[in-house]
Amino acid sequence: MATFRARDRSSAVLRSPRGEVWAALTDPDLIAKITPYVTSITADGDRWVWRMGTIPVLGISVAPTFTEVMELHPEERIVFSHDPARKDEMTAVEGTYVLADHAGGGTDVSIDLEIACSLPLPGLARPAVERVMAGVVKHMGSVFSRNLLKHLGEA
């Protein structure tokens, strides 16, 4: 077993007001609907359980489920970290969304997240596995962004 990581940092300026962007980013049903590979998100207070479909990685398939502790700072910041009580989960995500008013109107949105996944593969596979993970994360981010823009009426 080895732990593999992928990170994504991106930002965008949306025409939508901050309140509308906030409402979308804090709606677990909507997030599950517009994010590829995510099959459902169940919210229980500040704990969100994410369930994902099967993702092939170097000859094995994984269908991660992981629990995130969501720290919501209304219309400013969302901090999410893996629930430390869920040591049984093989996948964890740590990250932050930051929202701010854009000088020309609309909302500046940035995200910084890192995914860690323990897999039954040797550490020597790290370059190949992390390359695949980075590609999956990039694809998820691109489709999520496009779907979010559609939801907000910007596409």
Protein backbone atom coordinates (compact mmCIF):
# COMPACT_ATOMS: atom_id res chain seq x y z
CA MET A 1 0.00 0.00 0.00
CA ALA A 2 1.27 3.44 -0.88
CA THR A 3 -0.29 6.89 -0.74
CA PHE A 4 -0.49 8.89 -3.94
CA ARG A 5 -1.36 12.59 -4.28
CA ALA A 6 -2.74 15.06 -6.80
CA ARG A 7 -3.18 18.79 -6.32
CA ASP A 8 -5.27 21.39 -8.12
CA ARG A 9 -5.05 25.14 -7.79
CA SER A 10 -7.18 27.34 -9.98
CA SER A 11 -9.08 30.59 -10.02
CA ALA A 12 -11.68 32.33 -12.12
CA VAL A 13 -13.78 35.47 -12.26
CA LEU A 14 -17.49 34.74 -12.46
CA ARG A 15 -20.10 37.30 -13.49
CA SER A 16 -22.49 36.01 -10.81
CA PRO A 17 -22.83 37.71 -7.44
CA ARG A 18 -20.98 36.14 -4.54
CA GLY A 19 -24.20 34.98 -2.85
CA GLU A 20 -25.22 32.91 -5.88
CA VAL A 21 -21.77 31.34 -6.17
CA TRP A 22 -21.79 30.59 -2.43
CA ALA A 23 -25.22 28.97 -2.66
CA ALA A 24 -24.00 26.68 -5.44
CA LEU A 25 -20.75 25.70 -3.71
CA THR A 26 -22.52 24.82 -0.46
CA ASP A 27 -25.27 22.68 -2.02
CA PRO A 28 -24.09 19.06 -1.76
CA ASP A 29 -26.78 17.75 -4.15
CA LEU A 30 -25.82 20.28 -6.81
CA ILE A 31 -22.09 19.65 -6.34
CA ALA A 32 -22.67 15.90 -6.80
CA LYS A 33 -24.80 16.54 -9.90
CA ILE A 34 -22.25 18.79 -11.65
CA THR A 35 -19.01 17.00 -10.69
CA PRO A 36 -17.87 14.07 -12.83
CA TYR A 37 -17.30 10.75 -11.04
CA VAL A 38 -19.16 11.97 -7.93
CA THR A 39 -22.28 9.83 -7.51
CA SER A 40 -23.58 11.41 -4.30
CA ILE A 41 -22.76 13.65 -1.37
CA THR A 42 -24.57 13.11 1.91
CA ALA A 43 -24.41 16.04 4.34
CA ASP A 44 -24.76 15.43 8.06
CA GLY A 45 -24.07 18.73 9.76
CA ASP A 46 -20.49 19.71 9.00
CA ARG A 47 -19.64 16.19 7.71
CA TRP A 48 -20.10 15.53 4.00
CA VAL A 49 -19.69 11.95 2.79
CA TRP A 50 -18.59 11.88 -0.85
CA ARG A 51 -19.19 8.75 -2.95
CA MET A 52 -17.51 8.39 -6.29
CA GLY A 53 -17.96 6.03 -9.19
CA THR A 54 -15.27 3.67 -10.38
CA ILE A 55 -12.05 5.25 -11.59
CA PRO A 56 -9.45 3.02 -13.32
CA VAL A 57 -5.85 3.51 -12.16
CA LEU A 58 -3.09 1.34 -13.66
CA GLY A 59 -5.02 -1.88 -13.91
CA ILE A 60 -7.04 -1.51 -10.71
CA SER A 61 -10.34 0.25 -10.20
CA VAL A 62 -11.17 2.40 -7.21
CA ALA A 63 -14.55 3.78 -6.13
CA PRO A 64 -13.61 6.13 -3.29
CA THR A 65 -15.85 7.15 -0.42
CA PHE A 66 -14.49 9.79 1.92
CA THR A 67 -15.77 12.05 4.68
CA GLU A 68 -14.94 15.74 4.71
CA VAL A 69 -15.34 18.16 7.60
CA MET A 70 -16.72 21.34 6.05
CA GLU A 71 -15.86 24.65 7.68
CA LEU A 72 -18.10 27.30 6.13
CA HIS A 73 -17.34 31.01 6.46
CA PRO A 74 -20.42 32.46 4.73
CA GLU A 75 -19.73 33.93 1.31
CA GLU A 76 -15.98 34.13 2.01
CA ARG A 77 -14.32 30.74 2.44
CA ILE A 78 -14.96 27.00 2.53
CA VAL A 79 -12.30 24.91 4.21
CA PHE A 80 -12.60 21.15 3.89
CA SER A 81 -10.46 18.50 5.51
CA HIS A 82 -10.68 14.77 5.87
CA ASP A 83 -12.54 13.64 8.99
CA PRO A 84 -9.74 12.47 11.33
CA ALA A 85 -12.13 9.91 12.88
CA ARG A 86 -12.39 8.10 9.50
CA LYS A 87 -9.05 6.31 9.51
CA ASP A 88 -10.68 3.46 7.55
CA GLU A 89 -11.11 5.61 4.44
CA MET A 90 -8.43 5.25 1.79
CA THR A 91 -9.06 8.64 0.19
CA ALA A 92 -8.84 12.09 1.75
CA VAL A 93 -9.18 15.62 0.38
CA GLU A 94 -7.85 18.80 1.97
CA GLY A 95 -8.57 22.21 0.51
CA THR A 96 -10.04 25.67 0.46
CA TYR A 97 -12.38 27.70 -1.72
CA VAL A 98 -12.03 31.48 -1.41
CA LEU A 99 -14.65 33.91 -2.71
CA ALA A 100 -14.23 37.68 -3.03
CA ASP A 101 -15.89 40.53 -4.87
CA HIS A 102 -14.22 41.24 -8.20
CA ALA A 103 -13.30 44.89 -8.80
CA GLY A 104 -15.18 44.96 -12.12
CA GLY A 105 -18.23 43.19 -10.70
CA GLY A 106 -18.90 39.52 -10.16
CA THR A 107 -16.95 37.14 -7.96
CA ASP A 108 -13.34 36.01 -7.77
CA VAL A 109 -13.27 32.29 -6.93
CA SER A 110 -10.17 30.26 -6.19
CA ILE A 111 -9.65 26.68 -5.09
CA ASP A 112 -6.64 24.86 -3.74
CA LEU A 113 -7.11 21.18 -3.02
CA GLU A 114 -5.03 18.06 -2.58
CA ILE A 115 -6.30 14.52 -2.92
CA ALA A 116 -4.48 11.66 -1.22
CA CYS A 117 -5.36 8.07 -2.04
CA SER A 118 -3.87 4.90 -0.57
CA LEU A 119 -3.79 2.16 -3.17
CA PRO A 120 -2.55 -1.43 -3.25
CA LEU A 121 0.30 -0.46 -5.55
CA PRO A 122 4.02 -0.13 -4.88
CA GLY A 123 5.54 3.29 -4.27
CA LEU A 124 7.61 2.75 -7.42
CA ALA A 125 4.39 3.30 -9.38
CA ARG A 126 4.14 6.84 -7.96
CA PRO A 127 5.02 8.78 -11.15
CA ALA A 128 2.52 6.88 -13.30
CA VAL A 129 -0.26 6.82 -10.69
CA GLU A 130 0.11 10.49 -9.86
CA ARG A 131 0.10 11.38 -13.56
CA VAL A 132 -3.21 9.49 -13.96
CA MET A 133 -4.61 11.13 -10.81
CA ALA A 134 -3.59 14.59 -12.05
CA GLY A 135 -5.38 13.93 -15.35
CA VAL A 136 -8.55 12.80 -13.59
CA VAL A 137 -8.48 15.82 -11.26
CA LYS A 138 -7.94 18.19 -14.20
CA HIS A 139 -10.85 16.62 -16.10
CA MET A 140 -13.10 16.80 -13.03
CA GLY A 141 -12.21 20.47 -12.53
CA SER A 142 -12.84 21.40 -16.16
CA VAL A 143 -16.24 19.68 -16.31
CA PHE A 144 -17.21 21.01 -12.87
CA SER A 145 -16.34 24.57 -13.95
CA ARG A 146 -18.31 24.27 -17.19
CA ASN A 147 -21.32 22.84 -15.33
CA LEU A 148 -21.13 25.50 -12.61
CA LEU A 149 -21.13 28.24 -15.24
CA LYS A 150 -24.19 26.63 -16.85
CA HIS A 151 -25.95 26.42 -13.50
CA LEU A 152 -25.21 30.09 -12.83
CA GLY A 153 -26.47 31.07 -16.28
CA GLU A 154 -23.05 32.17 -17.49
CA ALA A 155 -22.57 29.60 -20.24
